[in-house]
Amino acid sequence: MPERRFDDGYWDDPFVQLLSRHGKLLFAYLWTNKHCNPAGLYQITPSTIAFETKLGEADIPQLLEELAPKVVWYRGENLVWVKNFIKRQSISSKFLVAVARCLTSINNHVAVEALINYNRERYTLLIPYEYPTNRVSIPSTSTSPSSTGPISNNSLFSASLFSLDEVNESLSKLPRGVDRLVDHEAMKQKLAELGVAKGYRVQSEYPTGKGRVDLCWLNRQDEIVAAFEIDYLTSKDKSVKKLEALGCPNACIVLRDKAKAKAEFYAPKEGLPAEESDIIKRLGQIKGWQADEDDVHWLQGLRSEYPGFTLAEFKACVDYHSGKPVPKHKGIWKNRFRNWMIKKREFELKGGKGELSTTKELKEGWKQK
């Protein structure tokens, strides 16, 4: 029977102290049971856990969820990952070889790569494992998709890839969300399975100059034919930047909340006009303005309603309000810009002559208000 290291500071761990009584028992069991392998990533059923611990089988799923993020449970495959297991063992080159060897029996390639990346990035442990998916042979009947250029939300990737409905159908089979990390890995697994089924090689954590893209599909020439970024609730600016850096025309952002996952096609942004770009940069420099990815949409909406909102008007409005208390949120600034343009329009139409007012007149108008 193999020997395992188990930290004698287990009961002092703040994470353990906050667990329920049964949660403490299950966490210790997952470290010490005979089914655990050197990687700490192994298959075990709730019925087996219940039989060996005398915990109620119906309670096991909820208890496993309680152990997140220290334990990741891949529910559909009865796969458990004790995340810090490898670090707590007697680390040697021979032990890491044993870890790599046992990983070859795990069919969930996303879970395997998550384990390898986690130990490399957090503990600088290099597991000598060559991912089997990198050697997947692609049937000769498979055709390489051609680039389609930027795509809209209603487009198909390519006839030989898949439609938005198809990927969402695949994601709809996922269980209700329980934990961000668990949900993230489960979505990657579904997308990877879809890619492999279509004859593509899949690669998780594909490196770019802006960070690692969650998942990519590659053809026989190792060309990226599809890319996926997975976000929680809303798409993040860093995800957009990674996809832009990758330059793949067939890119998709998958959004997840507790109830469901939904994919949306990502289309590269067109460049902003120079003046709008200058205003966006200056918005982030205003006290009380919290810059985010919605600023562009707000500015374009304002300029469509008031085409005269130029950089000069922006500066004049900011200058006028410079001596006032800093707003608690940028909504106040938005109202200021809008009201400024309303007053401008009133001055432009004064006397029915459509005369343009000067910035000085506008300021005087504000003072009289």
Protein backbone atom coordinates (compact mmCIF):
# COMPACT_ATOMS: atom_id res chain seq x y z
CA MET A 1 0.00 0.00 0.00
CA PRO A 2 1.53 3.38 -1.00
CA GLU A 3 2.40 5.87 1.71
CA ARG A 4 0.98 9.40 1.54
CA ARG A 5 2.05 12.60 3.22
CA PHE A 6 -0.72 14.28 5.17
CA ASP A 7 -0.08 17.68 6.74
CA ASP A 8 -0.31 17.65 10.55
CA GLY A 9 -1.46 21.27 10.29
CA TYR A 10 -4.66 20.08 8.61
CA TRP A 11 -6.90 21.07 11.50
CA ASP A 12 -5.31 24.54 11.74
CA ASP A 13 -6.07 25.35 8.10
CA PRO A 14 -8.68 28.17 8.04
CA PHE A 15 -10.32 26.48 5.05
CA VAL A 16 -10.78 23.25 7.03
CA GLN A 17 -11.98 25.06 10.14
CA LEU A 18 -14.86 26.61 8.21
CA LEU A 19 -16.03 23.28 6.77
CA SER A 20 -19.00 21.38 8.16
CA ARG A 21 -18.32 18.25 10.22
CA HIS A 22 -18.97 15.98 7.25
CA GLY A 23 -17.03 18.34 4.97
CA LYS A 24 -13.93 17.92 7.18
CA LEU A 25 -14.26 14.14 7.02
CA LEU A 26 -14.71 14.07 3.25
CA PHE A 27 -11.76 16.41 2.63
CA ALA A 28 -9.44 14.21 4.71
CA TYR A 29 -10.80 11.09 3.00
CA LEU A 30 -10.06 12.45 -0.49
CA TRP A 31 -6.41 12.87 0.51
CA THR A 32 -5.98 9.47 2.10
CA ASN A 33 -8.21 6.87 0.39
CA LYS A 34 -6.72 3.94 -1.54
CA HIS A 35 -8.23 5.10 -4.85
CA CYS A 36 -6.16 8.30 -4.87
CA ASN A 37 -3.22 8.25 -7.30
CA PRO A 38 0.05 10.27 -7.26
CA ALA A 39 -1.60 13.10 -9.20
CA GLY A 40 -4.53 13.54 -6.81
CA LEU A 41 -6.76 13.39 -9.90
CA TYR A 42 -8.75 10.18 -9.90
CA GLN A 43 -12.14 8.62 -10.52
CA ILE A 44 -14.35 7.69 -7.60
CA THR A 45 -18.13 7.38 -7.38
CA PRO A 46 -20.39 8.88 -4.71
CA SER A 47 -21.50 5.37 -3.82
CA THR A 48 -17.90 4.33 -3.12
CA ILE A 49 -17.32 7.41 -0.98
CA ALA A 50 -20.54 6.77 0.93
CA PHE A 51 -19.67 3.10 1.52
CA GLU A 52 -16.17 3.84 2.85
CA THR A 53 -16.99 6.93 4.93
CA LYS A 54 -20.54 6.04 6.05
CA LEU A 55 -21.69 9.44 4.77
CA GLY A 56 -25.09 9.57 3.09
CA GLU A 57 -24.74 9.01 -0.64
CA ALA A 58 -27.33 11.69 -1.37
CA ASP A 59 -25.21 14.19 0.59
CA ILE A 60 -21.96 13.55 -1.32
CA PRO A 61 -22.59 15.97 -4.25
CA GLN A 62 -23.30 18.90 -1.93
CA LEU A 63 -20.30 18.06 0.26
CA LEU A 64 -18.01 17.92 -2.79
CA GLU A 65 -19.25 21.34 -3.83
CA GLU A 66 -18.50 22.59 -0.31
CA LEU A 67 -14.84 21.67 -0.81
CA ALA A 68 -14.36 24.06 -3.77
CA PRO A 69 -11.92 25.54 -4.68
CA LYS A 70 -9.53 23.12 -2.92
CA VAL A 71 -11.26 20.19 -4.65
CA VAL A 72 -12.61 20.20 -8.20
CA TRP A 73 -15.34 17.67 -8.96
CA TYR A 74 -16.16 16.73 -12.55
CA ARG A 75 -19.62 15.46 -11.81
CA GLY A 76 -20.43 13.75 -15.10
CA GLU A 77 -17.27 11.61 -14.99
CA ASN A 78 -17.03 10.97 -11.23
CA LEU A 79 -13.60 12.58 -11.41
CA VAL A 80 -12.08 14.32 -8.38
CA TRP A 81 -9.04 16.60 -8.32
CA VAL A 82 -7.43 17.42 -4.96
CA LYS A 83 -5.61 20.50 -6.18
CA ASN A 84 -2.68 20.70 -3.75
CA PHE A 85 -2.08 16.97 -3.47
CA ILE A 86 1.13 16.83 -5.55
CA LYS A 87 2.74 19.71 -3.66
CA ARG A 88 2.21 17.94 -0.33
CA GLN A 89 4.00 14.76 -1.40
CA SER A 90 7.73 13.96 -1.41
CA ILE A 91 8.54 15.76 -4.65
CA SER A 92 11.26 14.13 -6.74
CA SER A 93 11.84 13.56 -10.42
CA LYS A 94 10.73 9.94 -9.99
CA PHE A 95 7.53 11.03 -8.27
CA LEU A 96 6.71 13.49 -11.06
CA VAL A 97 7.27 10.72 -13.60
CA ALA A 98 4.77 8.62 -11.64
CA VAL A 99 2.33 11.54 -11.75
CA ALA A 100 2.70 11.79 -15.52
CA ARG A 101 2.24 8.06 -15.92
CA CYS A 102 -1.03 7.94 -13.98
CA LEU A 103 -2.39 10.92 -15.93
CA THR A 104 -2.33 8.85 -19.11
CA SER A 105 -5.31 6.89 -17.76
CA ILE A 106 -7.43 10.03 -17.31
CA ASN A 107 -9.67 10.64 -20.32
CA ASN A 108 -10.58 14.20 -19.39
CA HIS A 109 -7.79 16.09 -21.19
CA VAL A 110 -9.02 19.48 -19.96
CA ALA A 111 -8.71 18.34 -16.34
CA VAL A 112 -5.24 16.93 -17.01
CA GLU A 113 -4.02 20.14 -18.58
CA ALA A 114 -5.58 22.23 -15.80
CA LEU A 115 -3.62 20.14 -13.26
CA ILE A 116 -0.36 20.51 -15.20
CA ASN A 117 -0.78 24.26 -15.63
CA TYR A 118 -1.81 24.78 -12.01
CA ASN A 119 1.27 23.01 -10.62
CA ARG A 120 3.58 24.72 -13.07
CA GLU A 121 2.26 28.23 -12.48
CA ARG A 122 1.65 28.04 -8.72
CA TYR A 123 4.45 25.73 -7.55
CA THR A 124 6.84 25.72 -10.57
CA LEU A 125 6.51 21.93 -10.72
CA LEU A 126 7.13 20.59 -14.22
CA ILE A 127 5.31 17.33 -14.84
CA PRO A 128 6.95 15.39 -17.73
CA TYR A 129 3.73 14.68 -19.53
CA GLU A 130 3.02 14.91 -23.25
CA TYR A 131 -0.62 15.61 -23.84
CA PRO A 132 -2.13 12.78 -25.93
CA THR A 133 -4.52 15.11 -27.75
CA ASN A 134 -1.52 16.67 -29.50
CA ARG A 135 -1.12 13.44 -31.45
CA VAL A 136 -4.73 12.94 -32.51
CA SER A 137 -4.87 11.77 -36.10
CA ILE A 138 -7.45 13.54 -38.23
CA PRO A 139 -9.50 11.40 -40.60
CA SER A 140 -8.73 11.96 -44.27
CA THR A 141 -12.39 12.83 -44.87
CA SER A 142 -12.02 15.93 -42.73
CA THR A 143 -11.69 19.18 -44.63
CA SER A 144 -9.88 22.23 -43.36
CA PRO A 145 -12.17 25.22 -42.96
CA SER A 146 -11.26 28.39 -44.76
CA SER A 147 -11.02 31.74 -43.07
CA THR A 148 -14.26 33.65 -43.19
CA GLY A 149 -13.18 37.05 -41.89
CA PRO A 150 -14.99 38.91 -39.08
CA ILE A 151 -18.36 37.42 -38.24
CA SER A 152 -21.52 38.78 -36.70
CA ASN A 153 -23.61 37.32 -33.91
CA ASN A 154 -25.97 35.75 -36.45
CA SER A 155 -23.28 34.20 -38.62
CA LEU A 156 -21.98 30.67 -38.81
CA PHE A 157 -18.32 30.04 -38.11
CA SER A 158 -17.98 28.01 -41.30
CA ALA A 159 -20.01 25.21 -42.81
CA SER A 160 -17.33 22.74 -41.74
CA LEU A 161 -17.15 24.07 -38.18
CA PHE A 162 -20.38 24.74 -36.30
CA SER A 163 -23.19 27.18 -35.73
CA LEU A 164 -23.97 29.19 -32.63
CA ASP A 165 -26.98 26.95 -32.04
CA GLU A 166 -24.77 23.87 -32.14
CA VAL A 167 -22.31 25.07 -29.51
CA ASN A 168 -25.14 26.28 -27.26
CA GLU A 169 -26.84 22.91 -27.64
CA SER A 170 -23.66 21.26 -26.42
CA LEU A 171 -23.30 23.67 -23.50
CA SER A 172 -26.97 23.24 -22.52
CA LYS A 173 -26.15 19.70 -21.40
CA LEU A 174 -24.00 21.01 -18.57
CA PRO A 175 -25.42 20.83 -15.03
CA ARG A 176 -26.33 23.97 -13.12
CA GLY A 177 -23.26 25.99 -12.13
CA VAL A 178 -21.75 25.39 -8.69
CA ASP A 179 -18.30 27.00 -8.70
CA ARG A 180 -16.47 29.25 -11.15
CA LEU A 181 -13.45 26.98 -11.54
CA VAL A 182 -15.53 23.81 -11.84
CA ASP A 183 -17.90 25.45 -14.33
CA HIS A 184 -15.01 26.88 -16.33
CA GLU A 185 -13.31 23.48 -16.70
CA ALA A 186 -16.61 21.75 -17.51
CA MET A 187 -17.27 24.20 -20.36
CA LYS A 188 -13.77 23.72 -21.73
CA GLN A 189 -14.33 19.97 -21.66
CA LYS A 190 -17.58 20.27 -23.65
CA LEU A 191 -16.00 22.53 -26.25
CA ALA A 192 -12.97 20.24 -26.50
CA GLU A 193 -15.20 17.21 -27.03
CA LEU A 194 -17.03 19.05 -29.80
CA GLY A 195 -13.76 19.92 -31.52
CA VAL A 196 -12.35 16.38 -31.28
CA ALA A 197 -15.63 14.97 -32.61
CA LYS A 198 -15.17 17.17 -35.68
CA GLY A 199 -11.64 15.89 -36.24
CA TYR A 200 -9.69 18.85 -34.88
CA ARG A 201 -6.80 18.88 -32.45
CA VAL A 202 -7.62 20.91 -29.36
CA GLN A 203 -5.22 22.89 -27.23
CA SER A 204 -6.04 24.44 -23.89
CA GLU A 205 -4.38 27.64 -22.62
CA TYR A 206 -3.04 28.69 -26.02
CA PRO A 207 -0.39 31.41 -25.47
CA THR A 208 -0.67 34.89 -26.98
CA GLY A 209 1.10 38.17 -26.29
CA LYS A 210 -1.86 39.22 -24.10
CA GLY A 211 -2.27 35.98 -22.13
CA ARG A 212 -3.51 32.43 -22.69
CA VAL A 213 -6.70 31.77 -24.66
CA ASP A 214 -8.87 29.17 -22.91
CA LEU A 215 -9.26 26.74 -25.81
CA CYS A 216 -8.35 26.53 -29.50
CA TRP A 217 -9.09 24.11 -32.32
CA LEU A 218 -6.29 23.42 -34.79
CA ASN A 219 -6.29 21.71 -38.17
CA ARG A 220 -3.73 19.32 -39.66
CA GLN A 221 -1.44 22.23 -40.53
CA ASP A 222 -1.54 23.41 -36.89
CA GLU A 223 -3.52 26.48 -37.97
CA ILE A 224 -6.01 27.81 -35.45
CA VAL A 225 -9.49 27.48 -36.89
CA ALA A 226 -11.51 28.40 -33.79
CA ALA A 227 -10.81 30.04 -30.44
CA PHE A 228 -12.85 30.21 -27.23
CA GLU A 229 -12.66 32.45 -24.18
CA ILE A 230 -14.86 31.62 -21.17
CA ASP A 231 -16.07 34.45 -18.91
CA TYR A 232 -18.45 34.79 -15.99
CA LEU A 233 -21.61 36.88 -16.57
CA THR A 234 -20.08 39.42 -18.98
CA SER A 235 -17.22 39.40 -21.46
CA LYS A 236 -14.03 40.83 -19.98
CA ASP A 237 -11.77 43.30 -21.72
CA LYS A 238 -8.76 41.01 -21.21
CA SER A 239 -10.58 38.21 -23.04
CA VAL A 240 -11.26 40.50 -25.98
CA LYS A 241 -7.61 41.56 -26.05
CA LYS A 242 -6.44 37.95 -26.07
CA LEU A 243 -8.69 37.08 -28.98
CA GLU A 244 -7.55 40.20 -30.84
CA ALA A 245 -3.91 39.21 -30.25
CA LEU A 246 -4.61 35.71 -31.54
CA GLY A 247 -6.01 37.09 -34.79
CA CYS A 248 -8.31 34.13 -35.38
CA PRO A 249 -11.35 35.20 -37.44
CA ASN A 250 -13.48 32.44 -35.88
CA ALA A 251 -13.56 33.46 -32.22
CA CYS A 252 -16.21 32.96 -29.59
CA ILE A 253 -16.79 34.18 -26.04
CA VAL A 254 -18.78 31.84 -23.79
CA LEU A 255 -20.61 33.46 -20.88
CA ARG A 256 -21.63 31.54 -17.78
CA ASP A 257 -23.83 32.26 -14.80
CA LYS A 258 -25.11 29.86 -12.15
CA ALA A 259 -28.03 28.77 -14.31
CA LYS A 260 -26.57 28.27 -17.77
CA ALA A 261 -23.81 28.85 -20.29
CA LYS A 262 -24.29 30.78 -23.51
CA ALA A 263 -21.90 31.34 -26.40
CA GLU A 264 -21.66 34.56 -28.39
CA PHE A 265 -19.57 35.08 -31.49
CA TYR A 266 -16.86 37.65 -31.10
CA ALA A 267 -16.13 40.01 -33.96
CA PRO A 268 -13.02 42.22 -33.90
CA LYS A 269 -13.80 45.84 -33.17
CA GLU A 270 -13.42 48.33 -35.94
CA GLY A 271 -11.04 51.17 -35.17
CA LEU A 272 -12.60 54.22 -33.54
CA PRO A 273 -12.45 57.61 -35.24
CA ALA A 274 -9.47 59.61 -33.99
CA GLU A 275 -11.62 62.12 -32.09
CA GLU A 276 -13.66 59.43 -30.32
CA SER A 277 -10.46 57.62 -29.43
CA ASP A 278 -9.07 60.83 -27.89
CA ILE A 279 -12.26 61.39 -25.87
CA ILE A 280 -12.19 57.78 -24.58
CA LYS A 281 -8.60 58.23 -23.40
CA ARG A 282 -9.46 61.47 -21.62
CA LEU A 283 -12.57 59.99 -19.96
CA GLY A 284 -10.35 57.65 -17.98
CA GLN A 285 -8.39 60.63 -16.67
CA ILE A 286 -11.43 62.40 -15.18
CA LYS A 287 -11.81 62.17 -11.41
CA GLY A 288 -14.94 60.21 -10.62
CA TRP A 289 -15.02 58.34 -13.93
CA GLN A 290 -14.59 54.55 -13.69
CA ALA A 291 -13.50 53.49 -17.16
CA ASP A 292 -14.85 50.22 -18.56
CA GLU A 293 -15.66 48.53 -21.88
CA ASP A 294 -19.11 50.21 -22.09
CA ASP A 295 -17.60 53.69 -22.47
CA VAL A 296 -17.33 53.33 -26.25
CA HIS A 297 -21.01 52.41 -26.62
CA TRP A 298 -22.06 55.29 -24.38
CA LEU A 299 -19.92 57.82 -26.29
CA GLN A 300 -21.13 56.65 -29.69
CA GLY A 301 -24.74 56.92 -28.49
CA LEU A 302 -24.19 60.45 -27.22
CA ARG A 303 -22.47 61.55 -30.44
CA SER A 304 -25.22 60.04 -32.56
CA GLU A 305 -27.73 62.15 -30.62
CA TYR A 306 -25.48 65.21 -30.42
CA PRO A 307 -22.97 65.14 -33.34
CA GLY A 308 -21.51 68.39 -32.02
CA PHE A 309 -20.03 66.64 -28.99
CA THR A 310 -16.42 67.12 -30.04
CA LEU A 311 -13.18 66.98 -28.11
CA ALA A 312 -13.38 70.76 -27.71
CA GLU A 313 -16.86 70.52 -26.12
CA PHE A 314 -15.66 67.68 -23.91
CA LYS A 315 -12.76 69.81 -22.63
CA ALA A 316 -14.99 72.83 -22.10
CA CYS A 317 -17.51 70.84 -20.05
CA VAL A 318 -14.78 69.25 -17.92
CA ASP A 319 -13.18 72.63 -17.39
CA TYR A 320 -16.47 74.18 -16.30
CA HIS A 321 -17.09 71.47 -13.66
CA SER A 322 -13.48 71.26 -12.50
CA GLY A 323 -14.07 73.20 -9.29
CA LYS A 324 -17.01 71.08 -8.15
CA PRO A 325 -16.94 68.04 -5.81
CA VAL A 326 -15.76 64.80 -7.40
CA PRO A 327 -18.81 62.71 -8.41
CA LYS A 328 -19.28 59.36 -6.65
CA HIS A 329 -19.94 57.62 -9.96
CA LYS A 330 -19.59 58.38 -13.66
CA GLY A 331 -23.37 58.58 -14.17
CA ILE A 332 -23.14 62.14 -12.86
CA TRP A 333 -20.51 62.96 -15.48
CA LYS A 334 -22.71 61.44 -18.19
CA ASN A 335 -25.55 63.75 -17.15
CA ARG A 336 -23.18 66.71 -17.17
CA PHE A 337 -22.06 66.02 -20.74
CA ARG A 338 -25.63 65.50 -21.91
CA ASN A 339 -26.91 68.66 -20.23
CA TRP A 340 -23.98 70.58 -21.68
CA MET A 341 -25.01 69.53 -25.18
CA ILE A 342 -28.67 70.32 -24.46
CA LYS A 343 -27.67 73.86 -23.48
CA LYS A 344 -25.46 74.06 -26.57
CA ARG A 345 -28.37 73.11 -28.79
CA GLU A 346 -30.56 75.73 -27.11
CA PHE A 347 -27.94 78.42 -27.79
CA GLU A 348 -27.50 77.23 -31.36
CA LEU A 349 -31.20 77.72 -31.97
CA LYS A 350 -31.53 81.04 -30.15
CA GLY A 351 -33.35 83.66 -32.14
CA GLY A 352 -34.27 80.98 -34.67
CA LYS A 353 -31.08 81.74 -36.59
CA GLY A 354 -29.22 78.57 -35.77
CA GLU A 355 -26.21 80.59 -34.69
CA LEU A 356 -23.40 78.69 -33.04
CA SER A 357 -22.61 79.80 -29.54
CA THR A 358 -19.16 80.23 -28.15
CA THR A 359 -17.86 78.28 -25.18
CA LYS A 360 -17.97 81.50 -23.20
CA GLU A 361 -21.71 81.92 -23.95
CA LEU A 362 -22.36 78.33 -22.90
CA LYS A 363 -20.63 78.90 -19.58
CA GLU A 364 -22.63 82.06 -19.02
CA GLY A 365 -25.78 80.09 -19.79
CA TRP A 366 -24.90 77.51 -17.16
CA LYS A 367 -24.31 80.22 -14.60
CA GLN A 368 -27.74 81.74 -15.31
CA LYS A 369 -29.44 78.37 -15.02
